[in-house]
Amino acid sequence: MGKPLIIVGPQASGKTRNSKAFLHAFGGKRVVDNWDGRSPLRDGDLALTNVENFSLPTGFQVISVSEALQRLREAK
């Protein structure tokens, strides 16, 4: 994983609970939990957030928590 990956979903949707599995599945370097949508992210970061309105820097990928969970299920 090069550029940061941002996983967006409501509170209590499983983002933090599955953060280690997401990190492993997507090949990230570190988890940034409760990302505020403004703080800088580094290459390899896996940002978890419930913020839906943020300006997306070029090259960042954003997926929903439901899509991330589906990818985990498919990887098993």
PDB file of N, CA and C in Angstrom:
ATOM      1  N   MET A   1       0.867  -1.182   0.000  1.00  0.00           N
ATOM      2  CA  MET A   1       0.000   0.000   0.000  1.00  0.00           C
ATOM      3  C   MET A   1       0.897   1.224   0.000  1.00  0.00           C
ATOM      4  N   GLY A   2       0.766   2.071  -1.004  1.00  0.00           N
ATOM      5  CA  GLY A   2       1.561   3.285  -1.079  1.00  0.00           C
ATOM      6  C   GLY A   2       0.846   4.464  -0.462  1.00  0.00           C
ATOM      7  N   LYS A   3      -0.028   5.081  -1.235  1.00  0.00           N
ATOM      8  CA  LYS A   3      -0.787   6.233  -0.743  1.00  0.00           C
ATOM      9  C   LYS A   3      -1.756   5.799   0.350  1.00  0.00           C
ATOM     10  N   PRO A   4      -2.157   6.735   1.207  1.00  0.00           N
ATOM     11  CA  PRO A   4      -3.090   6.381   2.278  1.00  0.00           C
ATOM     12  C   PRO A   4      -4.418   5.844   1.746  1.00  0.00           C
ATOM     13  N   LEU A   5      -4.995   4.954   2.533  1.00  0.00           N
ATOM     14  CA  LEU A   5      -6.328   4.423   2.286  1.00  0.00           C
ATOM     15  C   LEU A   5      -7.216   4.926   3.411  1.00  0.00           C
ATOM     16  N   ILE A   6      -8.354   5.493   3.064  1.00  0.00           N
ATOM     17  CA  ILE A   6      -9.285   6.037   4.047  1.00  0.00           C
ATOM     18  C   ILE A   6     -10.541   5.178   4.037  1.00  0.00           C
ATOM     19  N   ILE A   7     -10.892   4.647   5.209  1.00  0.00           N
ATOM     20  CA  ILE A   7     -12.110   3.853   5.362  1.00  0.00           C
ATOM     21  C   ILE A   7     -13.116   4.706   6.117  1.00  0.00           C
ATOM     22  N   VAL A   8     -14.271   4.928   5.489  1.00  0.00           N
ATOM     23  CA  VAL A   8     -15.302   5.813   6.036  1.00  0.00           C
ATOM     24  C   VAL A   8     -16.519   4.993   6.448  1.00  0.00           C
ATOM     25  N   GLY A   9     -17.037   5.294   7.637  1.00  0.00           N
ATOM     26  CA  GLY A   9     -18.253   4.632   8.100  1.00  0.00           C
ATOM     27  C   GLY A   9     -18.743   5.261   9.386  1.00  0.00           C
ATOM     28  N   PRO A  10     -20.000   5.033   9.725  1.00  0.00           N
ATOM     29  CA  PRO A  10     -20.553   5.615  10.947  1.00  0.00           C
ATOM     30  C   PRO A  10     -19.901   5.023  12.197  1.00  0.00           C
ATOM     31  N   GLN A  11     -20.091   5.709  13.313  1.00  0.00           N
ATOM     32  CA  GLN A  11     -19.607   5.190  14.586  1.00  0.00           C
ATOM     33  C   GLN A  11     -20.210   3.815  14.828  1.00  0.00           C
ATOM     34  N   ALA A  12     -19.421   2.960  15.464  1.00  0.00           N
ATOM     35  CA  ALA A  12     -19.845   1.604  15.834  1.00  0.00           C
ATOM     36  C   ALA A  12     -20.123   0.706  14.627  1.00  0.00           C
ATOM     37  N   SER A  13     -19.457   0.986  13.496  1.00  0.00           N
ATOM     38  CA  SER A  13     -19.667   0.172  12.291  1.00  0.00           C
ATOM     39  C   SER A  13     -18.600  -0.902  12.114  1.00  0.00           C
ATOM     40  N   GLY A  14     -17.623  -0.965  13.024  1.00  0.00           N
ATOM     41  CA  GLY A  14     -16.603  -2.002  12.952  1.00  0.00           C
ATOM     42  C   GLY A  14     -15.250  -1.545  12.457  1.00  0.00           C
ATOM     43  N   LYS A  15     -15.069  -0.252  12.261  1.00  0.00           N
ATOM     44  CA  LYS A  15     -13.785   0.242  11.746  1.00  0.00           C
ATOM     45  C   LYS A  15     -12.644  -0.076  12.711  1.00  0.00           C
ATOM     46  N   THR A  16     -12.775   0.343  13.956  1.00  0.00           N
ATOM     47  CA  THR A  16     -11.714   0.123  14.939  1.00  0.00           C
ATOM     48  C   THR A  16     -11.598  -1.357  15.288  1.00  0.00           C
ATOM     49  N   ARG A  17     -12.718  -2.026  15.469  1.00  0.00           N
ATOM     50  CA  ARG A  17     -12.721  -3.451  15.831  1.00  0.00           C
ATOM     51  C   ARG A  17     -11.950  -4.278  14.799  1.00  0.00           C
ATOM     52  N   ASN A  18     -12.038  -3.903  13.534  1.00  0.00           N
ATOM     53  CA  ASN A  18     -11.382  -4.659  12.462  1.00  0.00           C
ATOM     54  C   ASN A  18     -10.101  -4.006  11.958  1.00  0.00           C
ATOM     55  N   SER A  19      -9.592  -3.019  12.663  1.00  0.00           N
ATOM     56  CA  SER A  19      -8.459  -2.236  12.158  1.00  0.00           C
ATOM     57  C   SER A  19      -7.219  -3.088  11.885  1.00  0.00           C
ATOM     58  N   LYS A  20      -6.903  -4.037  12.749  1.00  0.00           N
ATOM     59  CA  LYS A  20      -5.721  -4.881  12.517  1.00  0.00           C
ATOM     60  C   LYS A  20      -5.912  -5.763  11.290  1.00  0.00           C
ATOM     61  N   ALA A  21      -7.114  -6.287  11.119  1.00  0.00           N
ATOM     62  CA  ALA A  21      -7.394  -7.110   9.935  1.00  0.00           C
ATOM     63  C   ALA A  21      -7.326  -6.259   8.667  1.00  0.00           C
ATOM     64  N   PHE A  22      -7.860  -5.034   8.724  1.00  0.00           N
ATOM     65  CA  PHE A  22      -7.773  -4.123   7.575  1.00  0.00           C
ATOM     66  C   PHE A  22      -6.314  -3.827   7.245  1.00  0.00           C
ATOM     67  N   LEU A  23      -5.526  -3.526   8.275  1.00  0.00           N
ATOM     68  CA  LEU A  23      -4.120  -3.188   8.074  1.00  0.00           C
ATOM     69  C   LEU A  23      -3.401  -4.335   7.369  1.00  0.00           C
ATOM     70  N   HIS A  24      -3.641  -5.540   7.821  1.00  0.00           N
ATOM     71  CA  HIS A  24      -3.010  -6.713   7.219  1.00  0.00           C
ATOM     72  C   HIS A  24      -3.513  -6.937   5.787  1.00  0.00           C
ATOM     73  N   ALA A  25      -4.821  -6.874   5.600  1.00  0.00           N
ATOM     74  CA  ALA A  25      -5.409  -7.159   4.287  1.00  0.00           C
ATOM     75  C   ALA A  25      -5.005  -6.142   3.226  1.00  0.00           C
ATOM     76  N   PHE A  26      -4.901  -4.873   3.627  1.00  0.00           N
ATOM     77  CA  PHE A  26      -4.602  -3.820   2.658  1.00  0.00           C
ATOM     78  C   PHE A  26      -3.120  -3.451   2.625  1.00  0.00           C
ATOM     79  N   GLY A  27      -2.316  -4.068   3.482  1.00  0.00           N
ATOM     80  CA  GLY A  27      -0.878  -3.852   3.453  1.00  0.00           C
ATOM     81  C   GLY A  27      -0.437  -2.499   3.963  1.00  0.00           C
ATOM     82  N   GLY A  28      -1.151  -1.961   4.923  1.00  0.00           N
ATOM     83  CA  GLY A  28      -0.789  -0.660   5.478  1.00  0.00           C
ATOM     84  C   GLY A  28       0.338  -0.742   6.486  1.00  0.00           C
ATOM     85  N   LYS A  29       0.853   0.428   6.850  1.00  0.00           N
ATOM     86  CA  LYS A  29       1.945   0.512   7.822  1.00  0.00           C
ATOM     87  C   LYS A  29       1.452   0.878   9.213  1.00  0.00           C
ATOM     88  N   ARG A  30       0.420   1.729   9.303  1.00  0.00           N
ATOM     89  CA  ARG A  30      -0.111   2.116  10.612  1.00  0.00           C
ATOM     90  C   ARG A  30      -1.564   2.531  10.461  1.00  0.00           C
ATOM     91  N   VAL A  31      -2.299   2.403  11.567  1.00  0.00           N
ATOM     92  CA  VAL A  31      -3.703   2.806  11.612  1.00  0.00           C
ATOM     93  C   VAL A  31      -3.793   4.197  12.221  1.00  0.00           C
ATOM     94  N   VAL A  32      -4.557   5.066  11.582  1.00  0.00           N
ATOM     95  CA  VAL A  32      -4.877   6.382  12.131  1.00  0.00           C
ATOM     96  C   VAL A  32      -6.367   6.337  12.452  1.00  0.00           C
ATOM     97  N   ASP A  33      -6.680   6.063  13.728  1.00  0.00           N
ATOM     98  CA  ASP A  33      -8.074   5.921  14.143  1.00  0.00           C
ATOM     99  C   ASP A  33      -8.677   7.292  14.416  1.00  0.00           C
ATOM    100  N   ASN A  34      -9.950   7.432  14.149  1.00  0.00           N
ATOM    101  CA  ASN A  34     -10.672   8.699  14.353  1.00  0.00           C
ATOM    102  C   ASN A  34     -10.032   9.857  13.595  1.00  0.00           C
ATOM    103  N   TRP A  35      -9.629   9.597  12.356  1.00  0.00           N
ATOM    104  CA  TRP A  35      -9.027  10.657  11.539  1.00  0.00           C
ATOM    105  C   TRP A  35     -10.030  11.784  11.363  1.00  0.00           C
ATOM    106  N   ASP A  36      -9.564  13.020  11.527  1.00  0.00           N
ATOM    107  CA  ASP A  36     -10.455  14.189  11.517  1.00  0.00           C
ATOM    108  C   ASP A  36     -10.715  14.767  10.133  1.00  0.00           C
ATOM    109  N   GLY A  37     -10.115  14.196   9.101  1.00  0.00           N
ATOM    110  CA  GLY A  37     -10.325  14.697   7.750  1.00  0.00           C
ATOM    111  C   GLY A  37      -9.404  15.844   7.376  1.00  0.00           C
ATOM    112  N   ARG A  38      -8.583  16.301   8.325  1.00  0.00           N
ATOM    113  CA  ARG A  38      -7.676  17.421   8.063  1.00  0.00           C
ATOM    114  C   ARG A  38      -6.211  17.087   8.344  1.00  0.00           C
ATOM    115  N   SER A  39      -5.970  16.260   9.328  1.00  0.00           N
ATOM    116  CA  SER A  39      -4.594  15.944   9.715  1.00  0.00           C
ATOM    117  C   SER A  39      -3.869  15.265   8.563  1.00  0.00           C
ATOM    118  N   PRO A  40      -2.590  15.592   8.380  1.00  0.00           N
ATOM    119  CA  PRO A  40      -1.842  14.979   7.281  1.00  0.00           C
ATOM    120  C   PRO A  40      -1.692  13.470   7.478  1.00  0.00           C
ATOM    121  N   LEU A  41      -1.708  12.764   6.385  1.00  0.00           N
ATOM    122  CA  LEU A  41      -1.500  11.322   6.391  1.00  0.00           C
ATOM    123  C   LEU A  41      -0.226  11.007   5.629  1.00  0.00           C
ATOM    124  N   ARG A  42       0.439   9.933   6.047  1.00  0.00           N
ATOM    125  CA  ARG A  42       1.677   9.500   5.391  1.00  0.00           C
ATOM    126  C   ARG A  42       1.395   8.308   4.485  1.00  0.00           C
ATOM    127  N   ASP A  43       2.301   8.068   3.551  1.00  0.00           N
ATOM    128  CA  ASP A  43       2.192   6.880   2.711  1.00  0.00           C
ATOM    129  C   ASP A  43       2.088   5.649   3.601  1.00  0.00           C
ATOM    130  N   GLY A  44       1.178   4.754   3.265  1.00  0.00           N
ATOM    131  CA  GLY A  44       0.988   3.531   4.024  1.00  0.00           C
ATOM    132  C   GLY A  44       0.005   3.643   5.167  1.00  0.00           C
ATOM    133  N   ASP A  45      -0.526   4.851   5.413  1.00  0.00           N
ATOM    134  CA  ASP A  45      -1.502   5.021   6.493  1.00  0.00           C
ATOM    135  C   ASP A  45      -2.851   4.436   6.100  1.00  0.00           C
ATOM    136  N   LEU A  46      -3.509   3.849   7.079  1.00  0.00           N
ATOM    137  CA  LEU A  46      -4.881   3.386   6.950  1.00  0.00           C
ATOM    138  C   LEU A  46      -5.694   4.248   7.902  1.00  0.00           C
ATOM    139  N   ALA A  47      -6.426   5.205   7.358  1.00  0.00           N
ATOM    140  CA  ALA A  47      -7.182   6.156   8.174  1.00  0.00           C
ATOM    141  C   ALA A  47      -8.620   5.687   8.318  1.00  0.00           C
ATOM    142  N   LEU A  48      -9.104   5.700   9.549  1.00  0.00           N
ATOM    143  CA  LEU A  48     -10.482   5.318   9.855  1.00  0.00           C
ATOM    144  C   LEU A  48     -11.221   6.561  10.297  1.00  0.00           C
ATOM    145  N   THR A  49     -12.386   6.818   9.708  1.00  0.00           N
ATOM    146  CA  THR A  49     -13.096   8.054  10.025  1.00  0.00           C
ATOM    147  C   THR A  49     -14.600   7.913   9.832  1.00  0.00           C
ATOM    148  N   ASN A  50     -15.330   8.765  10.538  1.00  0.00           N
ATOM    149  CA  ASN A  50     -16.766   8.889  10.278  1.00  0.00           C
ATOM    150  C   ASN A  50     -17.064  10.238   9.633  1.00  0.00           C
ATOM    151  N   VAL A  51     -16.015  11.005   9.333  1.00  0.00           N
ATOM    152  CA  VAL A  51     -16.147  12.286   8.643  1.00  0.00           C
ATOM    153  C   VAL A  51     -16.395  12.001   7.167  1.00  0.00           C
ATOM    154  N   GLU A  52     -17.472  12.554   6.627  1.00  0.00           N
ATOM    155  CA  GLU A  52     -17.787  12.286   5.222  1.00  0.00           C
ATOM    156  C   GLU A  52     -17.434  13.445   4.299  1.00  0.00           C
ATOM    157  N   ASN A  53     -17.290  14.630   4.856  1.00  0.00           N
ATOM    158  CA  ASN A  53     -16.989  15.798   4.027  1.00  0.00           C
ATOM    159  C   ASN A  53     -15.565  16.265   4.295  1.00  0.00           C
ATOM    160  N   PHE A  54     -14.649  15.805   3.473  1.00  0.00           N
ATOM    161  CA  PHE A  54     -13.267  16.250   3.580  1.00  0.00           C
ATOM    162  C   PHE A  54     -12.722  16.389   2.173  1.00  0.00           C
ATOM    163  N   SER A  55     -11.722  17.251   2.020  1.00  0.00           N
ATOM    164  CA  SER A  55     -11.120  17.401   0.697  1.00  0.00           C
ATOM    165  C   SER A  55     -10.065  16.319   0.550  1.00  0.00           C
ATOM    166  N   LEU A  56     -10.148  15.604  -0.533  1.00  0.00           N
ATOM    167  CA  LEU A  56      -9.305  14.441  -0.746  1.00  0.00           C
ATOM    168  C   LEU A  56      -8.062  14.805  -1.544  1.00  0.00           C
ATOM    169  N   PRO A  57      -6.882  14.649  -0.933  1.00  0.00           N
ATOM    170  CA  PRO A  57      -5.656  14.895  -1.696  1.00  0.00           C
ATOM    171  C   PRO A  57      -5.533  13.892  -2.844  1.00  0.00           C
ATOM    172  N   THR A  58      -4.855  14.279  -3.878  1.00  0.00           N
ATOM    173  CA  THR A  58      -4.661  13.432  -5.051  1.00  0.00           C
ATOM    174  C   THR A  58      -3.991  12.117  -4.677  1.00  0.00           C
ATOM    175  N   GLY A  59      -4.523  11.038  -5.202  1.00  0.00           N
ATOM    176  CA  GLY A  59      -3.908   9.736  -5.015  1.00  0.00           C
ATOM    177  C   GLY A  59      -4.404   8.952  -3.823  1.00  0.00           C
ATOM    178  N   PHE A  60      -5.209   9.555  -2.962  1.00  0.00           N
ATOM    179  CA  PHE A  60      -5.748   8.833  -1.812  1.00  0.00           C
ATOM    180  C   PHE A  60      -6.938   8.001  -2.280  1.00  0.00           C
ATOM    181  N   GLN A  61      -7.097   6.844  -1.685  1.00  0.00           N
ATOM    182  CA  GLN A  61      -8.239   5.994  -2.003  1.00  0.00           C
ATOM    183  C   GLN A  61      -9.198   6.023  -0.824  1.00  0.00           C
ATOM    184  N   VAL A  62     -10.486   6.109  -1.102  1.00  0.00           N
ATOM    185  CA  VAL A  62     -11.516   6.113  -0.066  1.00  0.00           C
ATOM    186  C   VAL A  62     -12.483   4.974  -0.347  1.00  0.00           C
ATOM    187  N   ILE A  63     -12.751   4.159   0.680  1.00  0.00           N
ATOM    188  CA  ILE A  63     -13.754   3.108   0.554  1.00  0.00           C
ATOM    189  C   ILE A  63     -14.640   3.127   1.798  1.00  0.00           C
ATOM    190  N   SER A  64     -15.825   2.603   1.661  1.00  0.00           N
ATOM    191  CA  SER A  64     -16.745   2.516   2.796  1.00  0.00           C
ATOM    192  C   SER A  64     -16.344   1.336   3.674  1.00  0.00           C
ATOM    193  N   VAL A  65     -16.747   1.401   4.930  1.00  0.00           N
ATOM    194  CA  VAL A  65     -16.450   0.287   5.833  1.00  0.00           C
ATOM    195  C   VAL A  65     -17.136  -0.985   5.346  1.00  0.00           C
ATOM    196  N   SER A  66     -18.303  -0.872   4.745  1.00  0.00           N
ATOM    197  CA  SER A  66     -18.976  -2.077   4.240  1.00  0.00           C
ATOM    198  C   SER A  66     -18.172  -2.719   3.111  1.00  0.00           C
ATOM    199  N   GLU A  67     -17.581  -1.902   2.241  1.00  0.00           N
ATOM    200  CA  GLU A  67     -16.735  -2.454   1.178  1.00  0.00           C
ATOM    201  C   GLU A  67     -15.479  -3.086   1.765  1.00  0.00           C
ATOM    202  N   ALA A  68     -14.877  -2.436   2.759  1.00  0.00           N
ATOM    203  CA  ALA A  68     -13.675  -2.983   3.399  1.00  0.00           C
ATOM    204  C   ALA A  68     -13.976  -4.324   4.064  1.00  0.00           C
ATOM    205  N   LEU A  69     -15.114  -4.420   4.746  1.00  0.00           N
ATOM    206  CA  LEU A  69     -15.503  -5.682   5.385  1.00  0.00           C
ATOM    207  C   LEU A  69     -15.758  -6.767   4.346  1.00  0.00           C
ATOM    208  N   GLN A  70     -16.367  -6.395   3.226  1.00  0.00           N
ATOM    209  CA  GLN A  70     -16.603  -7.356   2.141  1.00  0.00           C
ATOM    210  C   GLN A  70     -15.281  -7.887   1.603  1.00  0.00           C
ATOM    211  N   ARG A  71     -14.308  -7.014   1.432  1.00  0.00           N
ATOM    212  CA  ARG A  71     -12.996  -7.454   0.941  1.00  0.00           C
ATOM    213  C   ARG A  71     -12.331  -8.408   1.927  1.00  0.00           C
ATOM    214  N   LEU A  72     -12.526  -8.170   3.234  1.00  0.00           N
ATOM    215  CA  LEU A  72     -11.992  -9.097   4.238  1.00  0.00           C
ATOM    216  C   LEU A  72     -12.638 -10.470   4.089  1.00  0.00           C
ATOM    217  N   ARG A  73     -13.952 -10.499   3.924  1.00  0.00           N
ATOM    218  CA  ARG A  73     -14.662 -11.774   3.768  1.00  0.00           C
ATOM    219  C   ARG A  73     -14.191 -12.511   2.515  1.00  0.00           C
ATOM    220  N   GLU A  74     -13.982 -11.780   1.431  1.00  0.00           N
ATOM    221  CA  GLU A  74     -13.545 -12.401   0.176  1.00  0.00           C
ATOM    222  C   GLU A  74     -12.128 -12.940   0.272  1.00  0.00           C
ATOM    223  N   ALA A  75     -11.308 -12.345   1.124  1.00  0.00           N
ATOM    224  CA  ALA A  75      -9.913 -12.758   1.256  1.00  0.00           C
ATOM    225  C   ALA A  75      -9.762 -14.050   2.061  1.00  0.00           C
ATOM    226  N   LYS A  76     -10.806 -14.447   2.775  1.00  0.00           N
ATOM    227  CA  LYS A  76     -10.712 -15.659   3.617  1.00  0.00           C
ATOM    228  C   LYS A  76     -10.880 -16.908   2.816  1.00  0.00           C
TER     229      LYS A  76
END
